[in-house]
Amino acid sequence: HLPEPYLVWFHSKGFPEGKLGEQLALIYEVKLNGLEAMLA
């Protein structure tokens, strides 16, 4: 449910290290590819 611009910002600045960063990167890719509704 994070806004896409927030995830884009993380993508440009760098995701945090560890599990959270991996999860944020995954959700970024989900939103980038328009798959959010499929995972809802």
Full PDB file with SEQRES, HELIX, SHEET, SSBOND, CRYST1, ORIGX, SCALE, CONECT and MASTER records, all heavy atoms in Angstrom:
SEQRES   1 A   40  HIS LEU PRO GLU PRO TYR LEU VAL TRP PHE HIS SER LYS          
SEQRES   2 A   40  GLY PHE PRO GLU GLY LYS LEU GLY GLU GLN LEU ALA LEU          
SEQRES   3 A   40  ILE TYR GLU VAL LYS LEU ASN GLY LEU GLU ALA MET LEU          
SEQRES   4 A   40  ALA                                                          
HELIX    1 AA1 GLU A    4  LYS A   13  1                                  10    
HELIX    2 AA2 LYS A   19  LEU A   32  1                                  14    
HELIX    3 AA3 GLU A   36  LEU A   39  1                                   4    
CRYST1    1.000    1.000    1.000  90.00  90.00  90.00 P 1           1          
ORIGX1      1.000000  0.000000  0.000000        0.00000                         
ORIGX2      0.000000  1.000000  0.000000        0.00000                         
ORIGX3      0.000000  0.000000  1.000000        0.00000                         
SCALE1      1.000000  0.000000  0.000000        0.00000                         
SCALE2      0.000000  1.000000  0.000000        0.00000                         
SCALE3      0.000000  0.000000  1.000000        0.00000                         
ATOM      1  N   HIS A   1       0.806  -1.218   0.000  1.00  0.00           N  
ATOM      2  CA  HIS A   1       0.000   0.000   0.000  1.00  0.00           C  
ATOM      3  C   HIS A   1       0.845   1.276   0.000  1.00  0.00           C  
ATOM      4  O   HIS A   1       0.292   2.376   0.104  1.00  0.00           O  
ATOM      5  CB  HIS A   1      -0.950   0.002   1.196  1.00  0.00           C  
ATOM      6  CG  HIS A   1      -1.939  -1.125   1.143  1.00  0.00           C  
ATOM      7  ND1 HIS A   1      -2.448  -1.708   2.273  1.00  0.00           N  
ATOM      8  CD2 HIS A   1      -2.492  -1.795   0.091  1.00  0.00           C  
ATOM      9  CE1 HIS A   1      -3.279  -2.666   1.929  1.00  0.00           C  
ATOM     10  NE2 HIS A   1      -3.319  -2.750   0.611  1.00  0.00           N  
ATOM     11  N   LEU A   2       2.149   1.137  -0.115  1.00  0.00           N  
ATOM     12  CA  LEU A   2       2.998   2.330  -0.206  1.00  0.00           C  
ATOM     13  C   LEU A   2       2.780   2.997  -1.564  1.00  0.00           C  
ATOM     14  O   LEU A   2       2.606   2.317  -2.573  1.00  0.00           O  
ATOM     15  CB  LEU A   2       4.473   1.947  -0.061  1.00  0.00           C  
ATOM     16  CG  LEU A   2       4.915   1.442   1.307  1.00  0.00           C  
ATOM     17  CD1 LEU A   2       6.366   0.967   1.245  1.00  0.00           C  
ATOM     18  CD2 LEU A   2       4.739   2.508   2.363  1.00  0.00           C  
ATOM     19  N   PRO A   3       2.826   4.329  -1.593  1.00  0.00           N  
ATOM     20  CA  PRO A   3       2.680   5.012  -2.883  1.00  0.00           C  
ATOM     21  C   PRO A   3       3.865   4.711  -3.808  1.00  0.00           C  
ATOM     22  O   PRO A   3       5.013   4.615  -3.354  1.00  0.00           O  
ATOM     23  CB  PRO A   3       2.667   6.500  -2.513  1.00  0.00           C  
ATOM     24  CG  PRO A   3       2.617   6.582  -1.048  1.00  0.00           C  
ATOM     25  CD  PRO A   3       2.955   5.246  -0.484  1.00  0.00           C  
ATOM     26  N   GLU A   4       3.568   4.582  -5.076  1.00  0.00           N  
ATOM     27  CA  GLU A   4       4.621   4.269  -6.045  1.00  0.00           C  
ATOM     28  C   GLU A   4       5.753   5.300  -6.050  1.00  0.00           C  
ATOM     29  O   GLU A   4       6.925   4.912  -6.116  1.00  0.00           O  
ATOM     30  CB  GLU A   4       4.032   4.105  -7.442  1.00  0.00           C  
ATOM     31  CG  GLU A   4       5.031   3.585  -8.437  1.00  0.00           C  
ATOM     32  CD  GLU A   4       4.425   3.256  -9.784  1.00  0.00           C  
ATOM     33  OE1 GLU A   4       3.191   3.116  -9.880  1.00  0.00           O  
ATOM     34  OE2 GLU A   4       5.200   3.131 -10.738  1.00  0.00           O  
ATOM     35  N   PRO A   5       5.456   6.607  -5.955  1.00  0.00           N  
ATOM     36  CA  PRO A   5       6.566   7.579  -5.937  1.00  0.00           C  
ATOM     37  C   PRO A   5       7.541   7.371  -4.772  1.00  0.00           C  
ATOM     38  O   PRO A   5       8.737   7.623  -4.904  1.00  0.00           O  
ATOM     39  CB  PRO A   5       5.865   8.936  -5.828  1.00  0.00           C  
ATOM     40  CG  PRO A   5       4.516   8.702  -6.407  1.00  0.00           C  
ATOM     41  CD  PRO A   5       4.155   7.287  -6.023  1.00  0.00           C  
ATOM     42  N   TYR A   6       7.040   6.887  -3.650  1.00  0.00           N  
ATOM     43  CA  TYR A   6       7.902   6.594  -2.497  1.00  0.00           C  
ATOM     44  C   TYR A   6       8.865   5.455  -2.842  1.00  0.00           C  
ATOM     45  O   TYR A   6      10.057   5.511  -2.536  1.00  0.00           O  
ATOM     46  CB  TYR A   6       7.013   6.238  -1.306  1.00  0.00           C  
ATOM     47  CG  TYR A   6       7.718   6.090   0.019  1.00  0.00           C  
ATOM     48  CD1 TYR A   6       8.366   7.164   0.620  1.00  0.00           C  
ATOM     49  CD2 TYR A   6       7.685   4.882   0.708  1.00  0.00           C  
ATOM     50  CE1 TYR A   6       8.976   7.029   1.859  1.00  0.00           C  
ATOM     51  CE2 TYR A   6       8.291   4.742   1.946  1.00  0.00           C  
ATOM     52  CZ  TYR A   6       8.935   5.818   2.513  1.00  0.00           C  
ATOM     53  OH  TYR A   6       9.543   5.693   3.740  1.00  0.00           O  
ATOM     54  N   LEU A   7       8.350   4.434  -3.504  1.00  0.00           N  
ATOM     55  CA  LEU A   7       9.191   3.302  -3.903  1.00  0.00           C  
ATOM     56  C   LEU A   7      10.181   3.705  -4.992  1.00  0.00           C  
ATOM     57  O   LEU A   7      11.325   3.244  -5.002  1.00  0.00           O  
ATOM     58  CB  LEU A   7       8.315   2.140  -4.366  1.00  0.00           C  
ATOM     59  CG  LEU A   7       7.466   1.516  -3.255  1.00  0.00           C  
ATOM     60  CD1 LEU A   7       6.390   0.628  -3.847  1.00  0.00           C  
ATOM     61  CD2 LEU A   7       8.330   0.746  -2.280  1.00  0.00           C  
ATOM     62  N   VAL A   8       9.758   4.586  -5.891  1.00  0.00           N  
ATOM     63  CA  VAL A   8      10.659   5.093  -6.931  1.00  0.00           C  
ATOM     64  C   VAL A   8      11.795   5.875  -6.277  1.00  0.00           C  
ATOM     65  O   VAL A   8      12.963   5.758  -6.684  1.00  0.00           O  
ATOM     66  CB  VAL A   8       9.887   5.966  -7.951  1.00  0.00           C  
ATOM     67  CG1 VAL A   8      10.829   6.694  -8.881  1.00  0.00           C  
ATOM     68  CG2 VAL A   8       8.905   5.106  -8.736  1.00  0.00           C  
ATOM     69  N   TRP A   9      11.474   6.641  -5.251  1.00  0.00           N  
ATOM     70  CA  TRP A   9      12.505   7.391  -4.525  1.00  0.00           C  
ATOM     71  C   TRP A   9      13.520   6.432  -3.907  1.00  0.00           C  
ATOM     72  O   TRP A   9      14.729   6.625  -4.033  1.00  0.00           O  
ATOM     73  CB  TRP A   9      11.865   8.270  -3.445  1.00  0.00           C  
ATOM     74  CG  TRP A   9      12.865   9.037  -2.662  1.00  0.00           C  
ATOM     75  CD1 TRP A   9      13.430  10.232  -2.982  1.00  0.00           C  
ATOM     76  CD2 TRP A   9      13.458   8.652  -1.405  1.00  0.00           C  
ATOM     77  NE1 TRP A   9      14.326  10.617  -2.012  1.00  0.00           N  
ATOM     78  CE2 TRP A   9      14.360   9.659  -1.032  1.00  0.00           C  
ATOM     79  CE3 TRP A   9      13.303   7.545  -0.567  1.00  0.00           C  
ATOM     80  CZ2 TRP A   9      15.106   9.599   0.139  1.00  0.00           C  
ATOM     81  CZ3 TRP A   9      14.043   7.484   0.597  1.00  0.00           C  
ATOM     82  CH2 TRP A   9      14.945   8.515   0.937  1.00  0.00           C  
ATOM     83  N   PHE A  10      13.024   5.378  -3.244  1.00  0.00           N  
ATOM     84  CA  PHE A  10      13.931   4.380  -2.673  1.00  0.00           C  
ATOM     85  C   PHE A  10      14.788   3.751  -3.763  1.00  0.00           C  
ATOM     86  O   PHE A  10      15.977   3.520  -3.573  1.00  0.00           O  
ATOM     87  CB  PHE A  10      13.154   3.270  -1.943  1.00  0.00           C  
ATOM     88  CG  PHE A  10      13.030   3.481  -0.465  1.00  0.00           C  
ATOM     89  CD1 PHE A  10      11.789   3.686   0.101  1.00  0.00           C  
ATOM     90  CD2 PHE A  10      14.131   3.447   0.360  1.00  0.00           C  
ATOM     91  CE1 PHE A  10      11.657   3.868   1.465  1.00  0.00           C  
ATOM     92  CE2 PHE A  10      14.019   3.623   1.723  1.00  0.00           C  
ATOM     93  CZ  PHE A  10      12.772   3.840   2.285  1.00  0.00           C  
ATOM     94  N   HIS A  11      14.182   3.451  -4.897  1.00  0.00           N  
ATOM     95  CA  HIS A  11      14.923   2.843  -5.999  1.00  0.00           C  
ATOM     96  C   HIS A  11      16.073   3.745  -6.448  1.00  0.00           C  
ATOM     97  O   HIS A  11      17.185   3.278  -6.708  1.00  0.00           O  
ATOM     98  CB  HIS A  11      13.983   2.549  -7.168  1.00  0.00           C  
ATOM     99  CG  HIS A  11      14.636   1.872  -8.313  1.00  0.00           C  
ATOM    100  ND1 HIS A  11      15.104   2.560  -9.412  1.00  0.00           N  
ATOM    101  CD2 HIS A  11      14.925   0.569  -8.541  1.00  0.00           C  
ATOM    102  CE1 HIS A  11      15.645   1.713 -10.261  1.00  0.00           C  
ATOM    103  NE2 HIS A  11      15.544   0.494  -9.764  1.00  0.00           N  
ATOM    104  N   SER A  12      15.814   5.042  -6.504  1.00  0.00           N  
ATOM    105  CA  SER A  12      16.855   5.971  -6.958  1.00  0.00           C  
ATOM    106  C   SER A  12      17.932   6.209  -5.901  1.00  0.00           C  
ATOM    107  O   SER A  12      19.087   6.424  -6.224  1.00  0.00           O  
ATOM    108  CB  SER A  12      16.240   7.303  -7.388  1.00  0.00           C  
ATOM    109  OG  SER A  12      15.713   7.995  -6.280  1.00  0.00           O  
ATOM    110  N   LYS A  13      17.558   6.175  -4.627  1.00  0.00           N  
ATOM    111  CA  LYS A  13      18.501   6.428  -3.529  1.00  0.00           C  
ATOM    112  C   LYS A  13      19.161   5.159  -3.001  1.00  0.00           C  
ATOM    113  O   LYS A  13      20.203   5.217  -2.363  1.00  0.00           O  
ATOM    114  CB  LYS A  13      17.793   7.134  -2.363  1.00  0.00           C  
ATOM    115  CG  LYS A  13      17.212   8.481  -2.720  1.00  0.00           C  
ATOM    116  CD  LYS A  13      18.304   9.465  -3.046  1.00  0.00           C  
ATOM    117  CE  LYS A  13      17.699  10.823  -3.362  1.00  0.00           C  
ATOM    118  NZ  LYS A  13      18.687  11.786  -3.780  1.00  0.00           N  
ATOM    119  N   GLY A  14      18.502   4.029  -3.242  1.00  0.00           N  
ATOM    120  CA  GLY A  14      19.011   2.759  -2.730  1.00  0.00           C  
ATOM    121  C   GLY A  14      18.104   2.204  -1.649  1.00  0.00           C  
ATOM    122  O   GLY A  14      17.752   2.917  -0.709  1.00  0.00           O  
ATOM    123  N   PHE A  15      17.717   0.963  -1.809  1.00  0.00           N  
ATOM    124  CA  PHE A  15      16.882   0.304  -0.814  1.00  0.00           C  
ATOM    125  C   PHE A  15      17.728  -0.022   0.409  1.00  0.00           C  
ATOM    126  O   PHE A  15      18.937  -0.237   0.297  1.00  0.00           O  
ATOM    127  CB  PHE A  15      16.281  -0.985  -1.382  1.00  0.00           C  
ATOM    128  CG  PHE A  15      15.284  -0.747  -2.480  1.00  0.00           C  
ATOM    129  CD1 PHE A  15      15.611  -1.041  -3.797  1.00  0.00           C  
ATOM    130  CD2 PHE A  15      14.032  -0.231  -2.220  1.00  0.00           C  
ATOM    131  CE1 PHE A  15      14.705  -0.826  -4.817  1.00  0.00           C  
ATOM    132  CE2 PHE A  15      13.114  -0.014  -3.234  1.00  0.00           C  
ATOM    133  CZ  PHE A  15      13.449  -0.308  -4.540  1.00  0.00           C  
ATOM    134  N   PRO A  16      17.099  -0.074   1.595  1.00  0.00           N  
ATOM    135  CA  PRO A  16      17.858  -0.472   2.788  1.00  0.00           C  
ATOM    136  C   PRO A  16      18.422  -1.880   2.608  1.00  0.00           C  
ATOM    137  O   PRO A  16      17.896  -2.670   1.818  1.00  0.00           O  
ATOM    138  CB  PRO A  16      16.807  -0.467   3.913  1.00  0.00           C  
ATOM    139  CG  PRO A  16      15.610   0.207   3.376  1.00  0.00           C  
ATOM    140  CD  PRO A  16      15.691   0.162   1.890  1.00  0.00           C  
ATOM    141  N   GLU A  17      19.452  -2.176   3.338  1.00  0.00           N  
ATOM    142  CA  GLU A  17      20.035  -3.518   3.273  1.00  0.00           C  
ATOM    143  C   GLU A  17      19.151  -4.502   4.024  1.00  0.00           C  
ATOM    144  O   GLU A  17      18.355  -4.127   4.874  1.00  0.00           O  
ATOM    145  CB  GLU A  17      21.440  -3.512   3.868  1.00  0.00           C  
ATOM    146  CG  GLU A  17      22.419  -2.740   3.015  1.00  0.00           C  
ATOM    147  CD  GLU A  17      23.852  -2.928   3.453  1.00  0.00           C  
ATOM    148  OE1 GLU A  17      24.164  -3.972   4.052  1.00  0.00           O  
ATOM    149  OE2 GLU A  17      24.650  -2.032   3.184  1.00  0.00           O  
ATOM    150  N   GLY A  18      19.292  -5.757   3.692  1.00  0.00           N  
ATOM    151  CA  GLY A  18      18.600  -6.816   4.410  1.00  0.00           C  
ATOM    152  C   GLY A  18      17.231  -7.147   3.844  1.00  0.00           C  
ATOM    153  O   GLY A  18      16.874  -6.770   2.718  1.00  0.00           O  
ATOM    154  N   LYS A  19      16.468  -7.846   4.661  1.00  0.00           N  
ATOM    155  CA  LYS A  19      15.167  -8.359   4.253  1.00  0.00           C  
ATOM    156  C   LYS A  19      14.215  -7.245   3.832  1.00  0.00           C  
ATOM    157  O   LYS A  19      13.537  -7.355   2.807  1.00  0.00           O  
ATOM    158  CB  LYS A  19      14.558  -9.177   5.393  1.00  0.00           C  
ATOM    159  CG  LYS A  19      13.248  -9.823   5.051  1.00  0.00           C  
ATOM    160  CD  LYS A  19      12.742 -10.657   6.218  1.00  0.00           C  
ATOM    161  CE  LYS A  19      11.387 -11.270   5.916  1.00  0.00           C  
ATOM    162  NZ  LYS A  19      10.916 -12.084   7.043  1.00  0.00           N  
ATOM    163  N   LEU A  20      14.157  -6.156   4.596  1.00  0.00           N  
ATOM    164  CA  LEU A  20      13.256  -5.056   4.260  1.00  0.00           C  
ATOM    165  C   LEU A  20      13.587  -4.481   2.884  1.00  0.00           C  
ATOM    166  O   LEU A  20      12.695  -4.226   2.072  1.00  0.00           O  
ATOM    167  CB  LEU A  20      13.287  -3.958   5.320  1.00  0.00           C  
ATOM    168  CG  LEU A  20      12.408  -2.747   5.027  1.00  0.00           C  
ATOM    169  CD1 LEU A  20      10.930  -3.140   4.961  1.00  0.00           C  
ATOM    170  CD2 LEU A  20      12.630  -1.656   6.062  1.00  0.00           C  
ATOM    171  N   GLY A  21      14.851  -4.285   2.610  1.00  0.00           N  
ATOM    172  CA  GLY A  21      15.259  -3.771   1.308  1.00  0.00           C  
ATOM    173  C   GLY A  21      14.859  -4.691   0.174  1.00  0.00           C  
ATOM    174  O   GLY A  21      14.401  -4.232  -0.884  1.00  0.00           O  
ATOM    175  N   GLU A  22      15.007  -5.983   0.386  1.00  0.00           N  
ATOM    176  CA  GLU A  22      14.601  -6.961  -0.629  1.00  0.00           C  
ATOM    177  C   GLU A  22      13.091  -6.901  -0.849  1.00  0.00           C  
ATOM    178  O   GLU A  22      12.621  -6.967  -1.987  1.00  0.00           O  
ATOM    179  CB  GLU A  22      15.014  -8.370  -0.199  1.00  0.00           C  
ATOM    180  CG  GLU A  22      16.510  -8.581  -0.185  1.00  0.00           C  
ATOM    181  CD  GLU A  22      16.919  -9.902   0.434  1.00  0.00           C  
ATOM    182  OE1 GLU A  22      16.026 -10.740   0.745  1.00  0.00           O  
ATOM    183  OE2 GLU A  22      18.123 -10.111   0.626  1.00  0.00           O  
ATOM    184  N   GLN A  23      12.344  -6.768   0.239  1.00  0.00           N  
ATOM    185  CA  GLN A  23      10.892  -6.696   0.122  1.00  0.00           C  
ATOM    186  C   GLN A  23      10.456  -5.411  -0.582  1.00  0.00           C  
ATOM    187  O   GLN A  23       9.565  -5.432  -1.434  1.00  0.00           O  
ATOM    188  CB  GLN A  23      10.239  -6.804   1.501  1.00  0.00           C  
ATOM    189  CG  GLN A  23      10.376  -8.175   2.114  1.00  0.00           C  
ATOM    190  CD  GLN A  23       9.855  -8.250   3.537  1.00  0.00           C  
ATOM    191  OE1 GLN A  23       9.946  -7.280   4.293  1.00  0.00           O  
ATOM    192  NE2 GLN A  23       9.302  -9.386   3.893  1.00  0.00           N  
ATOM    193  N   LEU A  24      11.081  -4.300  -0.240  1.00  0.00           N  
ATOM    194  CA  LEU A  24      10.756  -3.036  -0.899  1.00  0.00           C  
ATOM    195  C   LEU A  24      11.074  -3.103  -2.395  1.00  0.00           C  
ATOM    196  O   LEU A  24      10.301  -2.612  -3.223  1.00  0.00           O  
ATOM    197  CB  LEU A  24      11.515  -1.875  -0.247  1.00  0.00           C  
ATOM    198  CG  LEU A  24      11.001  -1.408   1.111  1.00  0.00           C  
ATOM    199  CD1 LEU A  24      12.018  -0.493   1.779  1.00  0.00           C  
ATOM    200  CD2 LEU A  24       9.653  -0.710   0.972  1.00  0.00           C  
ATOM    201  N   ALA A  25      12.191  -3.706  -2.744  1.00  0.00           N  
ATOM    202  CA  ALA A  25      12.564  -3.859  -4.152  1.00  0.00           C  
ATOM    203  C   ALA A  25      11.543  -4.724  -4.892  1.00  0.00           C  
ATOM    204  O   ALA A  25      11.183  -4.428  -6.035  1.00  0.00           O  
ATOM    205  CB  ALA A  25      13.964  -4.457  -4.272  1.00  0.00           C  
ATOM    206  N   LEU A  26      11.067  -5.764  -4.241  1.00  0.00           N  
ATOM    207  CA  LEU A  26      10.054  -6.628  -4.845  1.00  0.00           C  
ATOM    208  C   LEU A  26       8.757  -5.847  -5.078  1.00  0.00           C  
ATOM    209  O   LEU A  26       8.177  -5.898  -6.174  1.00  0.00           O  
ATOM    210  CB  LEU A  26       9.784  -7.835  -3.948  1.00  0.00           C  
ATOM    211  CG  LEU A  26       8.609  -8.714  -4.362  1.00  0.00           C  
ATOM    212  CD1 LEU A  26       8.843  -9.330  -5.738  1.00  0.00           C  
ATOM    213  CD2 LEU A  26       8.342  -9.777  -3.322  1.00  0.00           C  
ATOM    214  N   ILE A  27       8.316  -5.105  -4.074  1.00  0.00           N  
ATOM    215  CA  ILE A  27       7.077  -4.335  -4.215  1.00  0.00           C  
ATOM    216  C   ILE A  27       7.243  -3.249  -5.272  1.00  0.00           C  
ATOM    217  O   ILE A  27       6.317  -2.962  -6.035  1.00  0.00           O  
ATOM    218  CB  ILE A  27       6.634  -3.753  -2.859  1.00  0.00           C  
ATOM    219  CG1 ILE A  27       6.351  -4.886  -1.846  1.00  0.00           C  
ATOM    220  CG2 ILE A  27       5.411  -2.858  -3.019  1.00  0.00           C  
ATOM    221  CD1 ILE A  27       5.266  -5.864  -2.252  1.00  0.00           C  
ATOM    222  N   TYR A  28       8.422  -2.668  -5.375  1.00  0.00           N  
ATOM    223  CA  TYR A  28       8.702  -1.704  -6.441  1.00  0.00           C  
ATOM    224  C   TYR A  28       8.479  -2.350  -7.807  1.00  0.00           C  
ATOM    225  O   TYR A  28       7.825  -1.780  -8.680  1.00  0.00           O  
ATOM    226  CB  TYR A  28      10.139  -1.185  -6.304  1.00  0.00           C  
ATOM    227  CG  TYR A  28      10.629  -0.430  -7.512  1.00  0.00           C  
ATOM    228  CD1 TYR A  28      10.237   0.888  -7.732  1.00  0.00           C  
ATOM    229  CD2 TYR A  28      11.461  -1.025  -8.447  1.00  0.00           C  
ATOM    230  CE1 TYR A  28      10.674   1.584  -8.856  1.00  0.00           C  
ATOM    231  CE2 TYR A  28      11.906  -0.346  -9.561  1.00  0.00           C  
ATOM    232  CZ  TYR A  28      11.504   0.964  -9.758  1.00  0.00           C  
ATOM    233  OH  TYR A  28      11.928   1.640 -10.874  1.00  0.00           O  
ATOM    234  N   GLU A  29       9.016  -3.537  -8.003  1.00  0.00           N  
ATOM    235  CA  GLU A  29       8.863  -4.239  -9.276  1.00  0.00           C  
ATOM    236  C   GLU A  29       7.400  -4.604  -9.538  1.00  0.00           C  
ATOM    237  O   GLU A  29       6.927  -4.516 -10.677  1.00  0.00           O  
ATOM    238  CB  GLU A  29       9.731  -5.504  -9.309  1.00  0.00           C  
ATOM    239  CG  GLU A  29      11.211  -5.235  -9.360  1.00  0.00           C  
ATOM    240  CD  GLU A  29      11.660  -4.555 -10.647  1.00  0.00           C  
ATOM    241  OE1 GLU A  29      11.027  -4.764 -11.709  1.00  0.00           O  
ATOM    242  OE2 GLU A  29      12.654  -3.814 -10.585  1.00  0.00           O  
ATOM    243  N   VAL A  30       6.700  -4.997  -8.493  1.00  0.00           N  
ATOM    244  CA  VAL A  30       5.276  -5.322  -8.616  1.00  0.00           C  
ATOM    245  C   VAL A  30       4.513  -4.113  -9.144  1.00  0.00           C  
ATOM    246  O   VAL A  30       3.744  -4.203 -10.108  1.00  0.00           O  
ATOM    247  CB  VAL A  30       4.700  -5.786  -7.256  1.00  0.00           C  
ATOM    248  CG1 VAL A  30       3.182  -5.748  -7.249  1.00  0.00           C  
ATOM    249  CG2 VAL A  30       5.210  -7.182  -6.907  1.00  0.00           C  
ATOM    250  N   LYS A  31       4.725  -2.962  -8.515  1.00  0.00           N  
ATOM    251  CA  LYS A  31       4.015  -1.755  -8.917  1.00  0.00           C  
ATOM    252  C   LYS A  31       4.465  -1.270 -10.290  1.00  0.00           C  
ATOM    253  O   LYS A  31       3.643  -0.830 -11.096  1.00  0.00           O  
ATOM    254  CB  LYS A  31       4.186  -0.667  -7.867  1.00  0.00           C  
ATOM    255  CG  LYS A  31       3.426  -1.003  -6.583  1.00  0.00           C  
ATOM    256  CD  LYS A  31       3.429   0.149  -5.619  1.00  0.00           C  
ATOM    257  CE  LYS A  31       2.608  -0.191  -4.412  1.00  0.00           C  
ATOM    258  NZ  LYS A  31       1.444   0.666  -4.287  1.00  0.00           N  
ATOM    259  N   LEU A  32       5.746  -1.357 -10.561  1.00  0.00           N  
ATOM    260  CA  LEU A  32       6.287  -0.939 -11.851  1.00  0.00           C  
ATOM    261  C   LEU A  32       5.640  -1.714 -12.999  1.00  0.00           C  
ATOM    262  O   LEU A  32       5.388  -1.171 -14.067  1.00  0.00           O  
ATOM    263  CB  LEU A  32       7.810  -1.138 -11.860  1.00  0.00           C  
ATOM    264  CG  LEU A  32       8.551  -0.692 -13.108  1.00  0.00           C  
ATOM    265  CD1 LEU A  32       8.518   0.833 -13.229  1.00  0.00           C  
ATOM    266  CD2 LEU A  32       9.991  -1.179 -13.048  1.00  0.00           C  
ATOM    267  N   ASN A  33       5.350  -2.986 -12.749  1.00  0.00           N  
ATOM    268  CA  ASN A  33       4.775  -3.848 -13.774  1.00  0.00           C  
ATOM    269  C   ASN A  33       3.255  -3.956 -13.699  1.00  0.00           C  
ATOM    270  O   ASN A  33       2.659  -4.786 -14.397  1.00  0.00           O  
ATOM    271  CB  ASN A  33       5.412  -5.243 -13.703  1.00  0.00           C  
ATOM    272  CG  ASN A  33       6.856  -5.204 -14.142  1.00  0.00           C  
ATOM    273  OD1 ASN A  33       7.139  -4.983 -15.308  1.00  0.00           O  
ATOM    274  ND2 ASN A  33       7.782  -5.376 -13.214  1.00  0.00           N  
ATOM    275  N   GLY A  34       2.626  -3.140 -12.855  1.00  0.00           N  
ATOM    276  CA  GLY A  34       1.173  -3.102 -12.782  1.00  0.00           C  
ATOM    277  C   GLY A  34       0.527  -4.341 -12.209  1.00  0.00           C  
ATOM    278  O   GLY A  34      -0.594  -4.690 -12.584  1.00  0.00           O  
ATOM    279  N   LEU A  35       1.206  -5.009 -11.290  1.00  0.00           N  
ATOM    280  CA  LEU A  35       0.701  -6.265 -10.726  1.00  0.00           C  
ATOM    281  C   LEU A  35       0.075  -6.115  -9.345  1.00  0.00           C  
ATOM    282  O   LEU A  35      -0.282  -7.104  -8.713  1.00  0.00           O  
ATOM    283  CB  LEU A  35       1.839  -7.286 -10.663  1.00  0.00           C  
ATOM    284  CG  LEU A  35       2.507  -7.592 -12.007  1.00  0.00           C  
ATOM    285  CD1 LEU A  35       3.709  -8.484 -11.803  1.00  0.00           C  
ATOM    286  CD2 LEU A  35       1.518  -8.199 -12.976  1.00  0.00           C  
ATOM    287  N   GLU A  36      -0.066  -4.874  -8.888  1.00  0.00           N  
ATOM    288  CA  GLU A  36      -0.581  -4.632  -7.538  1.00  0.00           C  
ATOM    289  C   GLU A  36      -1.961  -5.254  -7.330  1.00  0.00           C  
ATOM    290  O   GLU A  36      -2.219  -5.899  -6.315  1.00  0.00           O  
ATOM    291  CB  GLU A  36      -0.632  -3.134  -7.274  1.00  0.00           C  
ATOM    292  CG  GLU A  36      -1.086  -2.766  -5.896  1.00  0.00           C  
ATOM    293  CD  GLU A  36      -1.048  -1.264  -5.667  1.00  0.00           C  
ATOM    294  OE1 GLU A  36      -0.737  -0.501  -6.594  1.00  0.00           O  
ATOM    295  OE2 GLU A  36      -1.353  -0.859  -4.539  1.00  0.00           O  
ATOM    296  N   ALA A  37      -2.861  -5.084  -8.284  1.00  0.00           N  
ATOM    297  CA  ALA A  37      -4.222  -5.614  -8.148  1.00  0.00           C  
ATOM    298  C   ALA A  37      -4.218  -7.142  -8.057  1.00  0.00           C  
ATOM    299  O   ALA A  37      -5.050  -7.727  -7.349  1.00  0.00           O  
ATOM    300  CB  ALA A  37      -5.093  -5.150  -9.303  1.00  0.00           C  
ATOM    301  N   MET A  38      -3.294  -7.772  -8.751  1.00  0.00           N  
ATOM    302  CA  MET A  38      -3.211  -9.224  -8.721  1.00  0.00           C  
ATOM    303  C   MET A  38      -2.812  -9.736  -7.335  1.00  0.00           C  
ATOM    304  O   MET A  38      -3.235 -10.807  -6.913  1.00  0.00           O  
ATOM    305  CB  MET A  38      -2.187  -9.706  -9.753  1.00  0.00           C  
ATOM    306  CG  MET A  38      -2.111 -11.206  -9.876  1.00  0.00           C  
ATOM    307  SD  MET A  38      -0.940 -11.729 -11.134  1.00  0.00           S  
ATOM    308  CE  MET A  38       0.604 -11.537 -10.263  1.00  0.00           C  
ATOM    309  N   LEU A  39      -1.999  -8.944  -6.613  1.00  0.00           N  
ATOM    310  CA  LEU A  39      -1.532  -9.373  -5.292  1.00  0.00           C  
ATOM    311  C   LEU A  39      -2.429  -8.898  -4.159  1.00  0.00           C  
ATOM    312  O   LEU A  39      -2.272  -9.350  -3.026  1.00  0.00           O  
ATOM    313  CB  LEU A  39      -0.104  -8.882  -5.067  1.00  0.00           C  
ATOM    314  CG  LEU A  39       0.930  -9.452  -6.025  1.00  0.00           C  
ATOM    315  CD1 LEU A  39       2.315  -8.917  -5.685  1.00  0.00           C  
ATOM    316  CD2 LEU A  39       0.933 -10.968  -6.012  1.00  0.00           C  
ATOM    317  N   ALA A  40      -3.353  -8.006  -4.437  1.00  0.00           N  
ATOM    318  CA  ALA A  40      -4.232  -7.466  -3.393  1.00  0.00           C  
ATOM    319  C   ALA A  40      -4.956  -8.557  -2.588  1.00  0.00           C  
ATOM    320  O   ALA A  40      -5.100  -8.413  -1.370  1.00  0.00           O  
ATOM    321  CB  ALA A  40      -5.224  -6.476  -3.992  1.00  0.00           C  
TER     322      ALA A  40                                                      
MASTER        0    0    0    3    0    0    0    6  321    1    0    4          
END                                                                             
